[in-house]
């Protein structure tokens, strides 16, 4: 009977150690494939969420998510939740004054009503679309901001890790 108790204790210890080791391997680190749910809040307003959608997936260290978020995900495991603040320079960067440009009103169709705050899809020299926000309308020109809409803003992520492989 004592032999059976020792054998069961050893089996339980091996199982527990195996689970601990397996959980340790499931920690977010470079090269791991990660899926997580998130809510992104900027200036007190929710601007994006995965709620009701598939979790966001990425490979840690690949640079496919913003650097400040990726850096603070290291070490998290499936089931972990964390509030992560990413300062603007580690997100979409600070506002670059050189990315404000004036363009003549004459390049737009006459029936297009342009207003401040409006996002206008323009094209770069290669024909690729680039979003531009109207910041000011002058008599002969329109001033556009070509910075990312979240440039200069700190981001608050509420994340929950779903999977790490």
N, C-alpha and C. Protein backbone atom coordinates (compact mmCIF):
# COMPACT_ATOMS: atom_id res chain seq x y z
N UNK A 1 0.82 -1.18 0.00
CA UNK A 1 0.00 0.00 0.00
C UNK A 1 0.87 1.26 0.00
N UNK A 2 1.96 1.23 0.81
CA UNK A 2 2.86 2.36 0.87
C UNK A 2 3.52 2.58 -0.50
N UNK A 3 3.87 1.51 -1.19
CA UNK A 3 4.48 1.59 -2.52
C UNK A 3 3.53 2.29 -3.50
N UNK A 4 2.23 1.96 -3.46
CA UNK A 4 1.23 2.55 -4.33
C UNK A 4 1.09 4.05 -4.05
N UNK A 5 1.12 4.42 -2.77
CA UNK A 5 1.03 5.84 -2.39
C UNK A 5 2.23 6.61 -2.93
N UNK A 6 3.43 6.04 -2.81
CA UNK A 6 4.64 6.70 -3.32
C UNK A 6 4.57 6.82 -4.84
N UNK A 7 4.11 5.76 -5.50
CA UNK A 7 3.99 5.77 -6.96
C UNK A 7 2.99 6.83 -7.41
N UNK A 8 1.85 6.92 -6.74
CA UNK A 8 0.85 7.94 -7.08
C UNK A 8 1.40 9.34 -6.83
N UNK A 9 2.14 9.53 -5.74
CA UNK A 9 2.74 10.83 -5.43
C UNK A 9 3.74 11.23 -6.49
N UNK A 10 4.57 10.29 -6.93
CA UNK A 10 5.55 10.57 -7.98
C UNK A 10 4.85 10.91 -9.30
N UNK A 11 3.78 10.15 -9.63
CA UNK A 11 3.03 10.41 -10.86
C UNK A 11 2.41 11.81 -10.82
N UNK A 12 1.85 12.17 -9.67
CA UNK A 12 1.25 13.49 -9.51
C UNK A 12 2.31 14.58 -9.63
N UNK A 13 3.47 14.36 -9.03
CA UNK A 13 4.57 15.33 -9.10
C UNK A 13 5.03 15.52 -10.55
N UNK A 14 5.16 14.44 -11.29
CA UNK A 14 5.56 14.52 -12.69
C UNK A 14 4.51 15.28 -13.49
N UNK A 15 3.23 14.99 -13.23
CA UNK A 15 2.16 15.69 -13.95
C UNK A 15 2.17 17.18 -13.63
N UNK A 16 2.32 17.52 -12.36
CA UNK A 16 2.34 18.93 -11.97
C UNK A 16 3.55 19.63 -12.58
N UNK A 17 4.71 19.02 -12.50
CA UNK A 17 5.90 19.61 -13.10
C UNK A 17 5.76 19.74 -14.60
N UNK A 18 5.14 18.78 -15.25
CA UNK A 18 4.91 18.85 -16.68
C UNK A 18 4.00 20.02 -17.04
N UNK A 19 2.95 20.23 -16.24
CA UNK A 19 2.03 21.35 -16.49
C UNK A 19 2.75 22.67 -16.26
N UNK A 20 3.55 22.73 -15.19
CA UNK A 20 4.30 23.96 -14.92
C UNK A 20 5.27 24.24 -16.06
N UNK A 21 5.98 23.20 -16.50
CA UNK A 21 6.95 23.39 -17.59
C UNK A 21 6.22 23.80 -18.87
N UNK A 22 5.08 23.15 -19.14
CA UNK A 22 4.34 23.49 -20.35
C UNK A 22 3.83 24.92 -20.28
N UNK A 23 3.32 25.34 -19.13
CA UNK A 23 2.85 26.71 -18.95
C UNK A 23 3.99 27.69 -19.12
N UNK A 24 5.18 27.33 -18.64
CA UNK A 24 6.34 28.21 -18.77
C UNK A 24 6.71 28.41 -20.22
N UNK A 25 6.55 27.38 -21.04
CA UNK A 25 6.85 27.48 -22.47
C UNK A 25 5.82 28.31 -23.21
N UNK A 26 4.64 28.50 -22.59
CA UNK A 26 3.56 29.23 -23.25
C UNK A 26 3.66 30.73 -22.98
N UNK A 27 4.77 31.16 -22.44
CA UNK A 27 4.97 32.58 -22.17
C UNK A 27 5.33 33.31 -23.46
N UNK A 28 4.83 34.56 -23.61
CA UNK A 28 5.13 35.34 -24.81
C UNK A 28 6.61 35.69 -24.83
N UNK A 29 7.26 35.31 -25.93
CA UNK A 29 8.67 35.58 -26.15
C UNK A 29 8.88 35.62 -27.66
N UNK A 30 10.03 36.11 -28.09
CA UNK A 30 10.30 36.23 -29.53
C UNK A 30 10.04 34.92 -30.27
N UNK A 31 9.36 35.03 -31.41
CA UNK A 31 9.08 33.88 -32.25
C UNK A 31 7.77 33.18 -31.92
N UNK A 32 7.17 33.49 -30.77
CA UNK A 32 5.91 32.84 -30.40
C UNK A 32 4.75 33.47 -31.15
N UNK A 33 3.81 32.63 -31.55
CA UNK A 33 2.58 33.10 -32.18
C UNK A 33 1.59 33.37 -31.05
N UNK A 34 1.03 34.59 -31.07
CA UNK A 34 0.18 35.05 -29.98
C UNK A 34 -1.18 35.46 -30.52
N UNK A 35 -2.23 35.15 -29.77
CA UNK A 35 -3.57 35.66 -30.05
C UNK A 35 -4.06 36.33 -28.78
N UNK A 36 -4.62 37.54 -28.95
CA UNK A 36 -5.12 38.24 -27.76
C UNK A 36 -6.34 39.09 -28.10
N UNK A 37 -7.18 39.26 -27.10
CA UNK A 37 -8.31 40.18 -27.19
C UNK A 37 -7.86 41.52 -26.64
N UNK A 38 -8.45 42.59 -27.14
CA UNK A 38 -8.03 43.91 -26.69
C UNK A 38 -9.15 44.93 -26.83
N UNK A 39 -9.02 45.99 -26.05
CA UNK A 39 -9.81 47.19 -26.23
C UNK A 39 -8.82 48.34 -26.19
N UNK A 40 -8.87 49.20 -27.21
CA UNK A 40 -7.97 50.34 -27.31
C UNK A 40 -8.75 51.61 -26.97
N UNK A 41 -8.24 52.34 -25.97
CA UNK A 41 -8.85 53.59 -25.55
C UNK A 41 -7.86 54.72 -25.78
N UNK A 42 -8.34 55.81 -26.37
CA UNK A 42 -7.52 57.00 -26.61
C UNK A 42 -8.29 58.20 -26.08
N UNK A 43 -7.65 58.95 -25.21
CA UNK A 43 -8.27 60.15 -24.62
C UNK A 43 -9.65 59.85 -24.06
N UNK A 44 -9.78 58.70 -23.38
CA UNK A 44 -11.02 58.33 -22.72
C UNK A 44 -12.08 57.72 -23.63
N UNK A 45 -11.80 57.59 -24.93
CA UNK A 45 -12.76 57.05 -25.88
C UNK A 45 -12.27 55.71 -26.44
N UNK A 46 -13.15 54.72 -26.48
CA UNK A 46 -12.80 53.45 -27.10
C UNK A 46 -12.75 53.68 -28.61
N UNK A 47 -11.59 53.38 -29.21
CA UNK A 47 -11.43 53.58 -30.65
C UNK A 47 -11.34 52.27 -31.43
N UNK A 48 -11.08 51.16 -30.73
CA UNK A 48 -11.02 49.87 -31.41
C UNK A 48 -11.13 48.77 -30.35
N UNK A 49 -11.67 47.64 -30.77
CA UNK A 49 -11.78 46.49 -29.87
C UNK A 49 -11.90 45.22 -30.70
N UNK A 50 -11.51 44.12 -30.09
CA UNK A 50 -11.70 42.83 -30.75
C UNK A 50 -12.98 42.17 -30.26
N UNK A 51 -13.71 42.84 -29.37
CA UNK A 51 -14.94 42.28 -28.83
C UNK A 51 -15.90 41.94 -29.97
N UNK A 52 -16.39 40.71 -29.95
CA UNK A 52 -17.29 40.25 -31.00
C UNK A 52 -16.57 39.82 -32.27
N UNK A 53 -15.24 39.85 -32.25
CA UNK A 53 -14.44 39.45 -33.41
C UNK A 53 -13.43 38.39 -32.96
N UNK A 54 -12.67 37.92 -33.92
CA UNK A 54 -11.58 36.98 -33.61
C UNK A 54 -10.48 37.75 -32.86
N UNK A 55 -9.78 37.07 -31.96
CA UNK A 55 -8.64 37.74 -31.31
C UNK A 55 -7.60 38.16 -32.35
N UNK A 56 -6.85 39.19 -32.04
CA UNK A 56 -5.77 39.65 -32.91
C UNK A 56 -4.61 38.69 -32.78
N UNK A 57 -4.01 38.30 -33.91
CA UNK A 57 -2.88 37.39 -33.89
C UNK A 57 -1.64 38.05 -34.47
N UNK A 58 -0.50 37.70 -33.93
CA UNK A 58 0.78 38.21 -34.43
C UNK A 58 1.89 37.28 -33.96
N UNK A 59 3.09 37.47 -34.51
CA UNK A 59 4.27 36.73 -34.07
C UNK A 59 5.14 37.72 -33.29
N UNK A 60 5.42 37.38 -32.04
CA UNK A 60 6.21 38.27 -31.17
C UNK A 60 7.59 38.49 -31.78
N UNK A 61 7.98 39.75 -31.86
CA UNK A 61 9.29 40.11 -32.39
C UNK A 61 9.30 40.39 -33.88
N UNK A 62 8.15 40.21 -34.54
CA UNK A 62 8.11 40.40 -35.99
C UNK A 62 7.85 41.85 -36.38
N UNK A 63 7.46 42.68 -35.43
CA UNK A 63 7.20 44.08 -35.73
C UNK A 63 5.87 44.33 -36.41
N UNK A 64 4.94 43.40 -36.30
CA UNK A 64 3.64 43.58 -36.97
C UNK A 64 2.62 44.33 -36.11
N UNK A 65 2.91 44.52 -34.82
CA UNK A 65 2.07 45.37 -34.00
C UNK A 65 2.95 46.52 -33.50
N UNK A 66 2.34 47.55 -32.96
CA UNK A 66 3.13 48.72 -32.56
C UNK A 66 4.18 48.33 -31.53
N UNK A 67 5.37 48.91 -31.62
CA UNK A 67 6.50 48.50 -30.80
C UNK A 67 6.25 48.56 -29.29
N UNK A 68 5.61 49.61 -28.83
CA UNK A 68 5.38 49.75 -27.39
C UNK A 68 4.46 48.69 -26.83
N UNK A 69 3.49 48.24 -27.63
CA UNK A 69 2.59 47.17 -27.19
C UNK A 69 3.33 45.84 -27.21
N UNK A 70 4.05 45.58 -28.30
CA UNK A 70 4.78 44.32 -28.43
C UNK A 70 5.76 44.13 -27.27
N UNK A 71 6.47 45.19 -26.94
CA UNK A 71 7.46 45.14 -25.87
C UNK A 71 6.82 44.77 -24.53
N UNK A 72 5.63 45.32 -24.27
CA UNK A 72 4.99 45.08 -22.97
C UNK A 72 4.19 43.78 -22.91
N UNK A 73 4.10 43.07 -24.03
CA UNK A 73 3.42 41.77 -24.04
C UNK A 73 4.36 40.64 -23.58
N UNK A 74 5.67 40.89 -23.64
CA UNK A 74 6.65 39.86 -23.28
C UNK A 74 6.39 39.35 -21.86
N UNK A 75 6.38 38.02 -21.74
CA UNK A 75 6.24 37.40 -20.43
C UNK A 75 4.80 37.04 -20.06
N UNK A 76 3.83 37.56 -20.79
CA UNK A 76 2.44 37.22 -20.49
C UNK A 76 2.15 35.80 -20.96
N UNK A 77 1.14 35.17 -20.32
CA UNK A 77 0.76 33.80 -20.64
C UNK A 77 -0.73 33.75 -20.96
N UNK A 78 -1.19 32.67 -21.58
CA UNK A 78 -2.63 32.55 -21.84
C UNK A 78 -3.43 32.74 -20.56
N UNK A 79 -4.47 33.55 -20.66
CA UNK A 79 -5.31 33.86 -19.51
C UNK A 79 -4.92 35.14 -18.80
N UNK A 80 -3.70 35.62 -19.03
CA UNK A 80 -3.26 36.87 -18.39
C UNK A 80 -3.99 38.07 -18.99
N UNK A 81 -4.33 39.01 -18.14
CA UNK A 81 -4.90 40.29 -18.56
C UNK A 81 -3.98 41.39 -18.07
N UNK A 82 -3.92 42.47 -18.84
CA UNK A 82 -3.04 43.57 -18.46
C UNK A 82 -3.51 44.86 -19.13
N UNK A 83 -3.43 45.95 -18.39
CA UNK A 83 -3.66 47.28 -18.97
C UNK A 83 -2.28 47.81 -19.35
N UNK A 84 -2.15 48.19 -20.61
CA UNK A 84 -0.86 48.61 -21.15
C UNK A 84 -0.99 50.02 -21.72
N UNK A 85 -0.19 50.94 -21.20
CA UNK A 85 -0.14 52.28 -21.76
C UNK A 85 1.06 52.36 -22.68
N UNK A 86 0.81 52.82 -23.90
CA UNK A 86 1.87 52.99 -24.89
C UNK A 86 1.95 54.48 -25.22
N UNK A 87 3.09 55.09 -24.90
CA UNK A 87 3.26 56.52 -25.19
C UNK A 87 3.40 56.71 -26.70
N UNK A 88 3.04 57.90 -27.15
CA UNK A 88 2.95 58.17 -28.59
C UNK A 88 4.21 57.80 -29.37
N UNK A 89 5.38 58.10 -28.80
CA UNK A 89 6.62 57.82 -29.55
C UNK A 89 6.83 56.32 -29.78
N UNK A 90 6.22 55.47 -28.92
CA UNK A 90 6.33 54.02 -29.08
C UNK A 90 5.10 53.43 -29.78
N UNK A 91 4.23 54.30 -30.27
CA UNK A 91 3.02 53.85 -30.96
C UNK A 91 3.09 54.32 -32.42
N UNK A 92 2.39 55.41 -32.72
CA UNK A 92 2.37 55.94 -34.08
C UNK A 92 3.25 57.17 -34.22
N UNK A 93 4.06 57.43 -33.22
CA UNK A 93 5.00 58.54 -33.28
C UNK A 93 4.38 59.86 -32.84
N UNK A 94 5.25 60.82 -32.65
CA UNK A 94 4.80 62.16 -32.32
C UNK A 94 4.34 62.83 -33.61
N UNK A 95 3.59 63.90 -33.46
CA UNK A 95 3.13 64.62 -34.64
C UNK A 95 4.32 65.28 -35.32
N UNK A 96 4.44 65.04 -36.62
CA UNK A 96 5.52 65.60 -37.42
C UNK A 96 4.96 66.81 -38.18
N UNK A 97 5.42 68.03 -37.83
CA UNK A 97 4.90 69.23 -38.50
C UNK A 97 5.16 69.23 -40.01
N UNK A 98 6.17 68.49 -40.46
CA UNK A 98 6.48 68.44 -41.89
C UNK A 98 5.42 67.66 -42.69
N UNK A 99 4.56 66.94 -41.98
CA UNK A 99 3.52 66.17 -42.65
C UNK A 99 2.21 66.94 -42.80
N UNK A 100 2.26 68.25 -42.57
CA UNK A 100 1.12 69.13 -42.88
C UNK A 100 1.46 69.79 -44.21
N UNK A 101 0.55 69.67 -45.17
CA UNK A 101 0.83 70.22 -46.50
C UNK A 101 -0.40 70.94 -47.05
N UNK A 102 -0.12 72.02 -47.76
CA UNK A 102 -1.18 72.77 -48.43
C UNK A 102 -1.26 72.32 -49.88
N UNK A 103 -2.48 72.11 -50.33
CA UNK A 103 -2.69 71.76 -51.74
C UNK A 103 -3.74 72.70 -52.31
N UNK A 104 -3.64 73.01 -53.59
CA UNK A 104 -4.62 73.91 -54.20
C UNK A 104 -6.01 73.29 -54.23
N UNK A 105 -7.02 74.10 -53.99
CA UNK A 105 -8.40 73.62 -54.04
C UNK A 105 -8.76 73.11 -55.44
N UNK A 106 -8.07 73.60 -56.43
CA UNK A 106 -8.40 73.27 -57.82
C UNK A 106 -8.18 71.80 -58.17
N UNK A 107 -7.46 71.05 -57.33
CA UNK A 107 -7.25 69.63 -57.65
C UNK A 107 -8.48 68.78 -57.32
N UNK A 108 -9.45 69.36 -56.60
CA UNK A 108 -10.65 68.62 -56.21
C UNK A 108 -11.82 68.97 -57.13
N UNK A 109 -12.73 68.02 -57.31
CA UNK A 109 -13.93 68.33 -58.09
C UNK A 109 -14.68 69.49 -57.44
N UNK A 110 -15.24 70.38 -58.25
CA UNK A 110 -15.91 71.57 -57.70
C UNK A 110 -17.10 71.25 -56.80
N UNK A 111 -17.73 70.09 -57.02
CA UNK A 111 -18.90 69.74 -56.20
C UNK A 111 -18.54 69.02 -54.89
N UNK A 112 -17.25 68.78 -54.64
CA UNK A 112 -16.82 68.12 -53.41
C UNK A 112 -16.77 69.15 -52.28
N UNK A 113 -17.58 68.92 -51.26
CA UNK A 113 -17.60 69.83 -50.12
C UNK A 113 -16.58 69.34 -49.08
N UNK A 114 -15.53 70.10 -48.90
CA UNK A 114 -14.45 69.73 -47.98
C UNK A 114 -14.62 70.51 -46.68
N UNK A 115 -14.52 69.79 -45.56
CA UNK A 115 -14.69 70.41 -44.24
C UNK A 115 -13.53 70.00 -43.33
N UNK A 116 -13.16 70.87 -42.38
CA UNK A 116 -12.12 70.50 -41.40
C UNK A 116 -12.53 69.24 -40.63
N UNK A 117 -11.54 68.35 -40.42
CA UNK A 117 -11.78 67.09 -39.72
C UNK A 117 -12.11 65.94 -40.66
N UNK A 118 -12.43 66.27 -41.89
CA UNK A 118 -12.79 65.26 -42.88
C UNK A 118 -11.54 64.47 -43.31
N UNK A 119 -11.69 63.15 -43.44
CA UNK A 119 -10.59 62.34 -43.95
C UNK A 119 -10.80 62.16 -45.44
N UNK A 120 -9.77 62.49 -46.21
CA UNK A 120 -9.84 62.41 -47.66
C UNK A 120 -8.79 61.42 -48.14
N UNK A 121 -9.21 60.37 -48.88
CA UNK A 121 -8.22 59.42 -49.41
C UNK A 121 -7.52 60.02 -50.62
N UNK A 122 -6.25 60.27 -50.47
CA UNK A 122 -5.43 60.78 -51.58
C UNK A 122 -4.48 59.68 -52.02
N UNK A 123 -3.70 59.94 -53.06
CA UNK A 123 -2.73 58.96 -53.55
C UNK A 123 -1.34 59.58 -53.56
N UNK A 124 -0.36 58.73 -53.23
CA UNK A 124 1.02 59.20 -53.33
C UNK A 124 1.49 59.07 -54.78
N UNK A 125 2.76 59.38 -55.03
CA UNK A 125 3.29 59.35 -56.40
C UNK A 125 3.25 57.95 -57.03
N UNK A 126 3.21 56.91 -56.18
CA UNK A 126 3.15 55.53 -56.68
C UNK A 126 1.71 55.05 -56.87
N UNK A 127 0.74 55.92 -56.61
CA UNK A 127 -0.66 55.55 -56.76
C UNK A 127 -1.25 54.84 -55.55
N UNK A 128 -0.48 54.74 -54.46
CA UNK A 128 -0.98 54.08 -53.26
C UNK A 128 -1.83 55.07 -52.46
N UNK A 129 -2.95 54.58 -51.91
CA UNK A 129 -3.80 55.48 -51.13
C UNK A 129 -3.13 55.87 -49.81
N UNK A 130 -3.28 57.14 -49.46
CA UNK A 130 -2.80 57.62 -48.16
C UNK A 130 -3.90 58.49 -47.56
N UNK A 131 -4.24 58.22 -46.32
CA UNK A 131 -5.29 59.03 -45.69
C UNK A 131 -4.75 60.40 -45.32
N UNK A 132 -5.57 61.40 -45.51
CA UNK A 132 -5.20 62.77 -45.16
C UNK A 132 -6.39 63.41 -44.46
N UNK A 133 -6.10 64.12 -43.39
CA UNK A 133 -7.15 64.79 -42.63
C UNK A 133 -7.11 66.28 -42.94
N UNK A 134 -8.26 66.83 -43.30
CA UNK A 134 -8.35 68.27 -43.56
C UNK A 134 -8.24 68.99 -42.22
N UNK A 135 -7.24 69.87 -42.11
CA UNK A 135 -7.08 70.61 -40.86
C UNK A 135 -7.50 72.07 -40.99
N UNK A 136 -7.43 72.60 -42.20
CA UNK A 136 -7.78 74.00 -42.39
C UNK A 136 -8.15 74.23 -43.86
N UNK A 137 -9.11 75.11 -44.06
CA UNK A 137 -9.48 75.50 -45.43
C UNK A 137 -9.20 76.98 -45.57
N UNK A 138 -8.32 77.28 -46.51
CA UNK A 138 -7.98 78.67 -46.79
C UNK A 138 -8.67 79.09 -48.09
N UNK A 139 -8.49 80.34 -48.47
CA UNK A 139 -9.19 80.84 -49.65
C UNK A 139 -8.86 80.04 -50.92
N UNK A 140 -7.58 79.76 -51.14
CA UNK A 140 -7.16 79.07 -52.37
C UNK A 140 -6.63 77.66 -52.14
N UNK A 141 -6.40 77.30 -50.88
CA UNK A 141 -5.77 76.00 -50.58
C UNK A 141 -6.49 75.27 -49.46
N UNK A 142 -6.15 73.99 -49.34
CA UNK A 142 -6.61 73.15 -48.25
C UNK A 142 -5.37 72.61 -47.55
N UNK A 143 -5.35 72.69 -46.21
CA UNK A 143 -4.22 72.17 -45.44
C UNK A 143 -4.58 70.75 -44.97
N UNK A 144 -3.70 69.81 -45.32
CA UNK A 144 -3.90 68.41 -44.95
C UNK A 144 -2.85 67.98 -43.93
N UNK A 145 -3.27 67.11 -43.03
CA UNK A 145 -2.38 66.48 -42.08
C UNK A 145 -2.20 65.03 -42.54
N UNK A 146 -0.96 64.67 -42.89
CA UNK A 146 -0.66 63.32 -43.36
C UNK A 146 -0.10 62.43 -42.24
N UNK A 147 -0.09 62.93 -41.01
CA UNK A 147 0.30 62.08 -39.88
C UNK A 147 -0.77 61.01 -39.68
N UNK A 148 -0.38 59.89 -39.08
CA UNK A 148 -1.37 58.87 -38.71
C UNK A 148 -2.38 59.52 -37.77
N UNK A 149 -3.66 59.17 -37.87
CA UNK A 149 -4.66 59.78 -37.00
C UNK A 149 -4.37 59.64 -35.50
N UNK A 150 -3.60 58.62 -35.11
CA UNK A 150 -3.28 58.43 -33.69
C UNK A 150 -1.88 58.94 -33.33
N UNK A 151 -1.21 59.62 -34.27
CA UNK A 151 0.10 60.20 -33.97
C UNK A 151 -0.06 61.24 -32.87
N UNK A 152 0.91 61.26 -31.97
CA UNK A 152 0.89 62.25 -30.89
C UNK A 152 -0.02 61.88 -29.74
N UNK A 153 -0.61 60.71 -29.79
CA UNK A 153 -1.54 60.29 -28.74
C UNK A 153 -1.01 59.06 -28.01
N UNK A 154 -1.21 59.06 -26.69
CA UNK A 154 -0.89 57.89 -25.88
C UNK A 154 -2.06 56.92 -26.00
N UNK A 155 -1.75 55.63 -26.05
CA UNK A 155 -2.76 54.59 -26.24
C UNK A 155 -2.87 53.73 -24.98
N UNK A 156 -4.09 53.41 -24.60
CA UNK A 156 -4.32 52.51 -23.47
C UNK A 156 -4.97 51.24 -24.00
N UNK A 157 -4.24 50.14 -23.88
CA UNK A 157 -4.75 48.83 -24.29
C UNK A 157 -5.15 48.04 -23.06
N UNK A 158 -6.31 47.42 -23.12
CA UNK A 158 -6.73 46.45 -22.11
C UNK A 158 -6.67 45.12 -22.84
N UNK A 159 -5.67 44.29 -22.54
CA UNK A 159 -5.46 43.05 -23.28
C UNK A 159 -5.72 41.82 -22.43
N UNK A 160 -6.13 40.76 -23.11
CA UNK A 160 -6.23 39.44 -22.47
C UNK A 160 -5.65 38.43 -23.44
N UNK A 161 -4.60 37.74 -23.02
CA UNK A 161 -3.92 36.77 -23.87
C UNK A 161 -4.80 35.52 -23.97
N UNK A 162 -5.06 35.12 -25.21
CA UNK A 162 -5.90 33.95 -25.48
C UNK A 162 -5.05 32.72 -25.76
N UNK A 163 -3.96 32.90 -26.53
CA UNK A 163 -3.17 31.74 -26.96
C UNK A 163 -1.73 32.15 -27.20
N UNK A 164 -0.81 31.26 -26.83
CA UNK A 164 0.62 31.45 -27.11
C UNK A 164 1.15 30.10 -27.58
N UNK A 165 1.72 30.08 -28.80
CA UNK A 165 2.29 28.83 -29.34
C UNK A 165 3.73 29.04 -29.74
